[in-house]
PDB file of N, CA and C in Angstrom:
ATOM      1  N   UNK A   1     -21.768 -18.111  -7.863  1.00  0.00           N
ATOM      2  CA  UNK A   1     -22.288 -17.813  -6.545  1.00  0.00           C
ATOM      3  C   UNK A   1     -21.293 -16.689  -5.915  1.00  0.00           C
ATOM      4  N   UNK A   2     -20.028 -16.788  -6.374  1.00  0.00           N
ATOM      5  CA  UNK A   2     -19.394 -16.046  -5.494  1.00  0.00           C
ATOM      6  C   UNK A   2     -18.633 -15.172  -6.836  1.00  0.00           C
ATOM      7  N   UNK A   3     -18.870 -13.594  -6.873  1.00  0.00           N
ATOM      8  CA  UNK A   3     -18.436 -12.791  -7.675  1.00  0.00           C
ATOM      9  C   UNK A   3     -17.837 -11.690  -7.382  1.00  0.00           C
ATOM     10  N   UNK A   4     -16.575 -11.123  -8.010  1.00  0.00           N
ATOM     11  CA  UNK A   4     -15.594 -10.133  -7.807  1.00  0.00           C
ATOM     12  C   UNK A   4     -14.565 -10.652  -6.682  1.00  0.00           C
ATOM     13  N   UNK A   5     -14.221 -11.775  -6.953  1.00  0.00           N
ATOM     14  CA  UNK A   5     -13.270 -12.102  -5.957  1.00  0.00           C
ATOM     15  C   UNK A   5     -11.691 -11.744  -6.434  1.00  0.00           C
ATOM     16  N   UNK A   6     -10.802 -11.070  -5.679  1.00  0.00           N
ATOM     17  CA  UNK A   6      -9.446 -10.737  -6.583  1.00  0.00           C
ATOM     18  C   UNK A   6      -8.673 -10.910  -5.599  1.00  0.00           C
ATOM     19  N   UNK A   7      -7.510 -10.582  -5.816  1.00  0.00           N
ATOM     20  CA  UNK A   7      -6.225 -11.146  -4.735  1.00  0.00           C
ATOM     21  C   UNK A   7      -6.453 -10.218  -3.687  1.00  0.00           C
ATOM     22  N   UNK A   8      -6.759  -9.228  -3.838  1.00  0.00           N
ATOM     23  CA  UNK A   8      -6.694  -8.289  -2.426  1.00  0.00           C
ATOM     24  C   UNK A   8      -7.816  -8.707  -1.172  1.00  0.00           C
ATOM     25  N   UNK A   9      -8.859  -9.043  -1.969  1.00  0.00           N
ATOM     26  CA  UNK A   9     -10.018  -9.627  -1.129  1.00  0.00           C
ATOM     27  C   UNK A   9      -9.798 -10.972  -0.461  1.00  0.00           C
ATOM     28  N   UNK A  10      -9.319 -11.859  -1.205  1.00  0.00           N
ATOM     29  CA  UNK A  10      -8.626 -12.850  -0.517  1.00  0.00           C
ATOM     30  C   UNK A  10      -7.490 -12.666   0.780  1.00  0.00           C
ATOM     31  N   UNK A  11      -6.705 -12.049   0.229  1.00  0.00           N
ATOM     32  CA  UNK A  11      -5.505 -11.320   1.338  1.00  0.00           C
ATOM     33  C   UNK A  11      -6.261 -10.893   2.316  1.00  0.00           C
ATOM     34  N   UNK A  12      -7.126 -10.046   2.330  1.00  0.00           N
ATOM     35  CA  UNK A  12      -7.798  -9.397   3.289  1.00  0.00           C
ATOM     36  C   UNK A  12      -8.560 -10.447   4.327  1.00  0.00           C
ATOM     37  N   UNK A  13      -9.001 -11.277   3.323  1.00  0.00           N
ATOM     38  CA  UNK A  13      -9.915 -12.695   4.275  1.00  0.00           C
ATOM     39  C   UNK A  13      -8.984 -13.507   5.465  1.00  0.00           C
ATOM     40  N   UNK A  14      -7.748 -13.743   4.506  1.00  0.00           N
ATOM     41  CA  UNK A  14      -6.609 -14.552   5.307  1.00  0.00           C
ATOM     42  C   UNK A  14      -5.982 -14.088   6.383  1.00  0.00           C
ATOM     43  N   UNK A  15      -5.820 -12.605   6.192  1.00  0.00           N
ATOM     44  CA  UNK A  15      -4.995 -11.934   7.059  1.00  0.00           C
ATOM     45  C   UNK A  15      -6.042 -11.919   8.088  1.00  0.00           C
ATOM     46  N   UNK A  16      -7.321 -11.129   8.153  1.00  0.00           N
ATOM     47  CA  UNK A  16      -8.150 -11.400   9.094  1.00  0.00           C
ATOM     48  C   UNK A  16      -8.152 -12.482   9.870  1.00  0.00           C
ATOM     49  N   UNK A  17      -8.552 -13.634   9.043  1.00  0.00           N
ATOM     50  CA  UNK A  17      -8.606 -14.679  10.061  1.00  0.00           C
ATOM     51  C   UNK A  17      -7.321 -15.611  10.934  1.00  0.00           C
ATOM     52  N   UNK A  18      -6.063 -14.802  10.088  1.00  0.00           N
ATOM     53  CA  UNK A  18      -4.905 -15.333  10.860  1.00  0.00           C
ATOM     54  C   UNK A  18      -4.600 -14.163  12.039  1.00  0.00           C
ATOM     55  N   UNK A  19      -5.090 -12.992  12.070  1.00  0.00           N
ATOM     56  CA  UNK A  19      -5.071 -12.088  13.018  1.00  0.00           C
ATOM     57  C   UNK A  19      -5.712 -12.355  14.110  1.00  0.00           C
ATOM     58  N   UNK A  20      -7.153 -12.596  13.757  1.00  0.00           N
ATOM     59  CA  UNK A  20      -7.961 -12.893  14.659  1.00  0.00           C
ATOM     60  C   UNK A  20      -7.761 -14.210  15.711  1.00  0.00           C
ATOM     61  N   UNK A  21      -6.907 -15.386  14.943  1.00  0.00           N
ATOM     62  CA  UNK A  21      -6.600 -16.191  15.468  1.00  0.00           C
ATOM     63  C   UNK A  21      -5.750 -16.063  17.183  1.00  0.00           C
ATOM     64  N   UNK A  22      -4.663 -15.303  16.072  1.00  0.00           N
ATOM     65  CA  UNK A  22      -3.611 -14.781  17.241  1.00  0.00           C
ATOM     66  C   UNK A  22      -3.795 -14.004  18.190  1.00  0.00           C
ATOM     67  N   UNK A  23      -5.047 -13.248  17.887  1.00  0.00           N
ATOM     68  CA  UNK A  23      -5.513 -12.279  18.935  1.00  0.00           C
ATOM     69  C   UNK A  23      -6.162 -13.249  20.122  1.00  0.00           C
ATOM     70  N   UNK A  24      -6.646 -14.428  19.225  1.00  0.00           N
ATOM     71  CA  UNK A  24      -7.392 -15.070  20.238  1.00  0.00           C
ATOM     72  C   UNK A  24      -6.473 -16.271  21.103  1.00  0.00           C
ATOM     73  N   UNK A  25      -5.305 -16.722  20.694  1.00  0.00           N
ATOM     74  CA  UNK A  25      -4.531 -17.355  21.169  1.00  0.00           C
ATOM     75  C   UNK A  25      -3.512 -16.584  22.438  1.00  0.00           C
ATOM     76  N   UNK A  26      -3.445 -15.048  22.223  1.00  0.00           N
ATOM     77  CA  UNK A  26      -2.308 -14.786  22.800  1.00  0.00           C
ATOM     78  C   UNK A  26      -3.137 -13.613  24.011  1.00  0.00           C
ATOM     79  N   UNK A  27      -4.808 -13.670  23.857  1.00  0.00           N
ATOM     80  CA  UNK A  27      -5.613 -12.964  24.695  1.00  0.00           C
ATOM     81  C   UNK A  27      -5.095 -11.270  24.431  1.00  0.00           C
ATOM     82  N   UNK A  28      -5.195 -10.880  23.060  1.00  0.00           N
ATOM     83  CA  UNK A  28      -5.088  -9.465  22.935  1.00  0.00           C
ATOM     84  C   UNK A  28      -6.267  -9.033  22.136  1.00  0.00           C
ATOM     85  N   UNK A  29      -7.129  -8.192  22.767  1.00  0.00           N
ATOM     86  CA  UNK A  29      -8.228  -7.546  22.299  1.00  0.00           C
ATOM     87  C   UNK A  29      -8.052  -6.754  21.236  1.00  0.00           C
ATOM     88  N   UNK A  30      -6.896  -5.870  21.310  1.00  0.00           N
ATOM     89  CA  UNK A  30      -6.916  -4.438  20.285  1.00  0.00           C
ATOM     90  C   UNK A  30      -6.293  -5.393  18.849  1.00  0.00           C
ATOM     91  N   UNK A  31      -5.605  -6.251  18.893  1.00  0.00           N
ATOM     92  CA  UNK A  31      -5.549  -7.131  17.696  1.00  0.00           C
ATOM     93  C   UNK A  31      -6.398  -7.761  16.941  1.00  0.00           C
ATOM     94  N   UNK A  32      -7.138  -8.270  17.971  1.00  0.00           N
ATOM     95  CA  UNK A  32      -8.684  -9.039  17.478  1.00  0.00           C
ATOM     96  C   UNK A  32      -9.459  -7.682  16.870  1.00  0.00           C
ATOM     97  N   UNK A  33      -9.150  -6.689  17.282  1.00  0.00           N
ATOM     98  CA  UNK A  33     -10.320  -5.294  16.591  1.00  0.00           C
ATOM     99  C   UNK A  33      -9.530  -5.351  15.238  1.00  0.00           C
ATOM    100  N   UNK A  34      -8.554  -5.011  15.046  1.00  0.00           N
ATOM    101  CA  UNK A  34      -7.780  -5.366  13.554  1.00  0.00           C
ATOM    102  C   UNK A  34      -8.283  -6.406  12.626  1.00  0.00           C
ATOM    103  N   UNK A  35      -7.876  -7.386  13.387  1.00  0.00           N
ATOM    104  CA  UNK A  35      -8.367  -9.159  12.428  1.00  0.00           C
ATOM    105  C   UNK A  35      -9.861  -8.743  12.281  1.00  0.00           C
ATOM    106  N   UNK A  36     -10.630  -8.163  13.114  1.00  0.00           N
ATOM    107  CA  UNK A  36     -12.011  -8.115  12.714  1.00  0.00           C
ATOM    108  C   UNK A  36     -12.239  -6.927  11.539  1.00  0.00           C
ATOM    109  N   UNK A  37     -11.549  -6.165  11.704  1.00  0.00           N
ATOM    110  CA  UNK A  37     -11.958  -5.013  10.643  1.00  0.00           C
ATOM    111  C   UNK A  37     -11.542  -5.590   9.295  1.00  0.00           C
ATOM    112  N   UNK A  38     -10.409  -6.575   8.946  1.00  0.00           N
ATOM    113  CA  UNK A  38      -9.491  -6.829   8.134  1.00  0.00           C
ATOM    114  C   UNK A  38     -10.694  -7.942   7.456  1.00  0.00           C
ATOM    115  N   UNK A  39     -11.255  -8.855   8.360  1.00  0.00           N
ATOM    116  CA  UNK A  39     -12.423  -9.811   8.081  1.00  0.00           C
ATOM    117  C   UNK A  39     -13.390  -9.411   7.506  1.00  0.00           C
ATOM    118  N   UNK A  40     -14.022  -8.255   8.153  1.00  0.00           N
ATOM    119  CA  UNK A  40     -15.215  -7.442   7.350  1.00  0.00           C
ATOM    120  C   UNK A  40     -14.826  -6.859   6.095  1.00  0.00           C
ATOM    121  N   UNK A  41     -13.765  -6.415   5.824  1.00  0.00           N
ATOM    122  CA  UNK A  41     -13.594  -5.685   4.969  1.00  0.00           C
ATOM    123  C   UNK A  41     -13.294  -6.646   3.776  1.00  0.00           C
ATOM    124  N   UNK A  42     -12.583  -8.101   3.942  1.00  0.00           N
ATOM    125  CA  UNK A  42     -12.477  -9.098   2.792  1.00  0.00           C
ATOM    126  C   UNK A  42     -13.921  -9.582   2.988  1.00  0.00           C
ATOM    127  N   UNK A  43     -14.653  -9.818   3.773  1.00  0.00           N
ATOM    128  CA  UNK A  43     -16.333 -10.480   3.508  1.00  0.00           C
ATOM    129  C   UNK A  43     -17.143  -9.543   2.832  1.00  0.00           C
ATOM    130  N   UNK A  44     -17.295  -8.228   3.123  1.00  0.00           N
ATOM    131  CA  UNK A  44     -18.116  -7.193   2.507  1.00  0.00           C
ATOM    132  C   UNK A  44     -17.516  -6.687   1.227  1.00  0.00           C
ATOM    133  N   UNK A  45     -16.193  -7.101   0.549  1.00  0.00           N
ATOM    134  CA  UNK A  45     -15.539  -6.274  -0.330  1.00  0.00           C
ATOM    135  C   UNK A  45     -15.310  -4.801  -0.310  1.00  0.00           C
ATOM    136  N   UNK A  46     -15.098  -4.490   0.591  1.00  0.00           N
ATOM    137  CA  UNK A  46     -14.799  -2.736   0.941  1.00  0.00           C
ATOM    138  C   UNK A  46     -13.303  -2.747   1.516  1.00  0.00           C
ATOM    139  N   UNK A  47     -13.070  -1.316   0.830  1.00  0.00           N
ATOM    140  CA  UNK A  47     -11.542  -1.156   1.042  1.00  0.00           C
ATOM    141  C   UNK A  47     -11.609   0.269   0.873  1.00  0.00           C
ATOM    142  N   UNK A  48     -10.746   0.985   0.180  1.00  0.00           N
ATOM    143  CA  UNK A  48     -10.435   2.132  -0.323  1.00  0.00           C
ATOM    144  C   UNK A  48     -11.449   2.928  -0.583  1.00  0.00           C
ATOM    145  N   UNK A  49     -12.298   2.317  -1.308  1.00  0.00           N
ATOM    146  CA  UNK A  49     -13.213   3.231  -1.930  1.00  0.00           C
ATOM    147  C   UNK A  49     -13.002   3.155  -3.424  1.00  0.00           C
ATOM    148  N   UNK A  50     -14.082   3.551  -4.243  1.00  0.00           N
ATOM    149  CA  UNK A  50     -14.215   3.520  -5.670  1.00  0.00           C
ATOM    150  C   UNK A  50     -13.038   3.950  -6.202  1.00  0.00           C
ATOM    151  N   UNK A  51     -12.174   5.176  -5.885  1.00  0.00           N
ATOM    152  CA  UNK A  51     -11.208   5.630  -6.432  1.00  0.00           C
ATOM    153  C   UNK A  51      -9.995   4.618  -6.430  1.00  0.00           C
ATOM    154  N   UNK A  52      -9.986   3.741  -5.370  1.00  0.00           N
ATOM    155  CA  UNK A  52      -8.785   3.125  -4.932  1.00  0.00           C
ATOM    156  C   UNK A  52      -8.007   3.733  -3.909  1.00  0.00           C
ATOM    157  N   UNK A  53      -6.823   3.005  -3.692  1.00  0.00           N
ATOM    158  CA  UNK A  53      -5.772   3.195  -2.743  1.00  0.00           C
ATOM    159  C   UNK A  53      -5.101   4.572  -3.437  1.00  0.00           C
ATOM    160  N   UNK A  54      -5.273   5.331  -3.965  1.00  0.00           N
ATOM    161  CA  UNK A  54      -3.969   6.478  -4.643  1.00  0.00           C
ATOM    162  C   UNK A  54      -4.194   7.861  -4.357  1.00  0.00           C
ATOM    163  N   UNK A  55      -3.119   8.486  -4.327  1.00  0.00           N
ATOM    164  CA  UNK A  55      -3.370   9.807  -3.863  1.00  0.00           C
ATOM    165  C   UNK A  55      -3.607  10.992  -5.393  1.00  0.00           C
ATOM    166  N   UNK A  56      -4.719  11.512  -5.203  1.00  0.00           N
ATOM    167  CA  UNK A  56      -5.076  12.498  -6.113  1.00  0.00           C
ATOM    168  C   UNK A  56      -4.059  13.264  -6.714  1.00  0.00           C
ATOM    169  N   UNK A  57      -4.414  13.429  -8.014  1.00  0.00           N
ATOM    170  CA  UNK A  57      -3.283  14.107  -8.431  1.00  0.00           C
ATOM    171  C   UNK A  57      -3.739  15.685  -8.511  1.00  0.00           C
ATOM    172  N   UNK A  58      -2.227  16.608  -8.321  1.00  0.00           N
ATOM    173  CA  UNK A  58      -2.575  17.892  -8.087  1.00  0.00           C
ATOM    174  C   UNK A  58      -2.536  18.236  -9.499  1.00  0.00           C
ATOM    175  N   UNK A  59      -2.866  19.869  -9.379  1.00  0.00           N
ATOM    176  CA  UNK A  59      -2.625  20.644 -10.707  1.00  0.00           C
ATOM    177  C   UNK A  59      -1.268  21.217 -10.629  1.00  0.00           C
ATOM    178  N   UNK A  60      -1.022  20.835 -12.394  1.00  0.00           N
ATOM    179  CA  UNK A  60       0.390  21.439 -12.255  1.00  0.00           C
ATOM    180  C   UNK A  60       0.173  22.766 -12.890  1.00  0.00           C
ATOM    181  N   UNK A  61       1.135  23.537 -12.076  1.00  0.00           N
ATOM    182  CA  UNK A  61       1.489  24.920 -12.651  1.00  0.00           C
ATOM    183  C   UNK A  61       2.662  25.056 -13.003  1.00  0.00           C
ATOM    184  N   UNK A  62       3.118  25.887 -13.917  1.00  0.00           N
ATOM    185  CA  UNK A  62       4.057  26.575 -14.180  1.00  0.00           C
ATOM    186  C   UNK A  62       4.769  27.503 -13.155  1.00  0.00           C
ATOM    187  N   UNK A  63       6.032  27.271 -13.103  1.00  0.00           N
ATOM    188  CA  UNK A  63       6.657  28.164 -12.332  1.00  0.00           C
ATOM    189  C   UNK A  63       6.634  29.449 -12.426  1.00  0.00           C
ATOM    190  N   UNK A  64       6.804  29.862 -13.655  1.00  0.00           N
ATOM    191  CA  UNK A  64       6.582  30.946 -14.054  1.00  0.00           C
ATOM    192  C   UNK A  64       5.451  31.901 -13.942  1.00  0.00           C
ATOM    193  N   UNK A  65       4.045  31.146 -14.123  1.00  0.00           N
ATOM    194  CA  UNK A  65       3.042  31.698 -14.046  1.00  0.00           C
ATOM    195  C   UNK A  65       2.347  31.591 -12.238  1.00  0.00           C
ATOM    196  N   UNK A  66       3.183  30.842 -11.706  1.00  0.00           N
ATOM    197  CA  UNK A  66       3.064  31.267 -10.125  1.00  0.00           C
ATOM    198  C   UNK A  66       3.937  32.216  -9.531  1.00  0.00           C
ATOM    199  N   UNK A  67       4.691  32.713  -9.773  1.00  0.00           N
ATOM    200  CA  UNK A  67       5.808  33.923  -9.354  1.00  0.00           C
ATOM    201  C   UNK A  67       5.140  34.743 -10.171  1.00  0.00           C
ATOM    202  N   UNK A  68       4.919  34.874 -11.367  1.00  0.00           N
ATOM    203  CA  UNK A  68       4.192  35.982 -11.717  1.00  0.00           C
ATOM    204  C   UNK A  68       2.950  36.659 -10.994  1.00  0.00           C
ATOM    205  N   UNK A  69       2.216  35.494 -10.471  1.00  0.00           N
ATOM    206  CA  UNK A  69       1.084  35.988  -9.955  1.00  0.00           C
ATOM    207  C   UNK A  69       0.909  36.178  -8.370  1.00  0.00           C
ATOM    208  N   UNK A  70       1.927  35.704  -7.726  1.00  0.00           N
ATOM    209  CA  UNK A  70       1.867  35.864  -6.385  1.00  0.00           C
ATOM    210  C   UNK A  70       3.541  36.548  -5.707  1.00  0.00           C
ATOM    211  N   UNK A  71       4.263  36.810  -6.452  1.00  0.00           N
ATOM    212  CA  UNK A  71       5.409  37.605  -5.864  1.00  0.00           C
ATOM    213  C   UNK A  71       5.546  38.824  -6.795  1.00  0.00           C
ATOM    214  N   UNK A  72       5.473  39.565  -5.638  1.00  0.00           N
ATOM    215  CA  UNK A  72       5.629  41.216  -6.341  1.00  0.00           C
ATOM    216  C   UNK A  72       7.309  41.550  -6.312  1.00  0.00           C
ATOM    217  N   UNK A  73       7.991  42.478  -6.374  1.00  0.00           N
ATOM    218  CA  UNK A  73       9.064  43.325  -6.326  1.00  0.00           C
ATOM    219  C   UNK A  73       9.669  43.059  -4.797  1.00  0.00           C
ATOM    220  N   UNK A  74      10.433  42.632  -4.317  1.00  0.00           N
ATOM    221  CA  UNK A  74      10.786  42.438  -3.105  1.00  0.00           C
ATOM    222  C   UNK A  74      12.218  43.067  -2.890  1.00  0.00           C
ATOM    223  N   UNK A  75      12.126  43.713  -2.088  1.00  0.00           N
ATOM    224  CA  UNK A  75      13.548  44.581  -1.796  1.00  0.00           C
ATOM    225  C   UNK A  75      14.135  44.224  -0.449  1.00  0.00           C
ATOM    226  N   UNK A  76      15.409  43.865  -0.428  1.00  0.00           N
ATOM    227  CA  UNK A  76      16.272  43.255   0.975  1.00  0.00           C
ATOM    228  C   UNK A  76      16.819  44.282   1.322  1.00  0.00           C
ATOM    229  N   UNK A  77      17.268  44.716   2.491  1.00  0.00           N
ATOM    230  CA  UNK A  77      17.913  45.686   3.346  1.00  0.00           C
ATOM    231  C   UNK A  77      18.919  45.132   4.373  1.00  0.00           C
ATOM    232  N   UNK A  78      20.222  45.725   3.715  1.00  0.00           N
ATOM    233  CA  UNK A  78      21.354  44.979   4.234  1.00  0.00           C
ATOM    234  C   UNK A  78      21.503  45.651   5.623  1.00  0.00           C
ATOM    235  N   UNK A  79      21.536  44.630   6.863  1.00  0.00           N
ATOM    236  CA  UNK A  79      21.614  45.425   7.756  1.00  0.00           C
ATOM    237  C   UNK A  79      23.281  45.448   8.202  1.00  0.00           C
TER     238      UNK A  79
END
């Protein structure tokens, strides 16, 4: 019946319910929006996307290649 349940999905559901309850008890509608968002994410199993919550890797270039391509001879004049 229930498939693909992982720890983050359960955490989102529990946090969403707890935050919604706190928002209702303290009459805080903005907090209720946050709780609703977490509850929807947990119920629908959506989150950061298919790539996960990681920062994309940048291309690594050597310092020598970057310096050769972009820096020309620089002359400084003493004032």
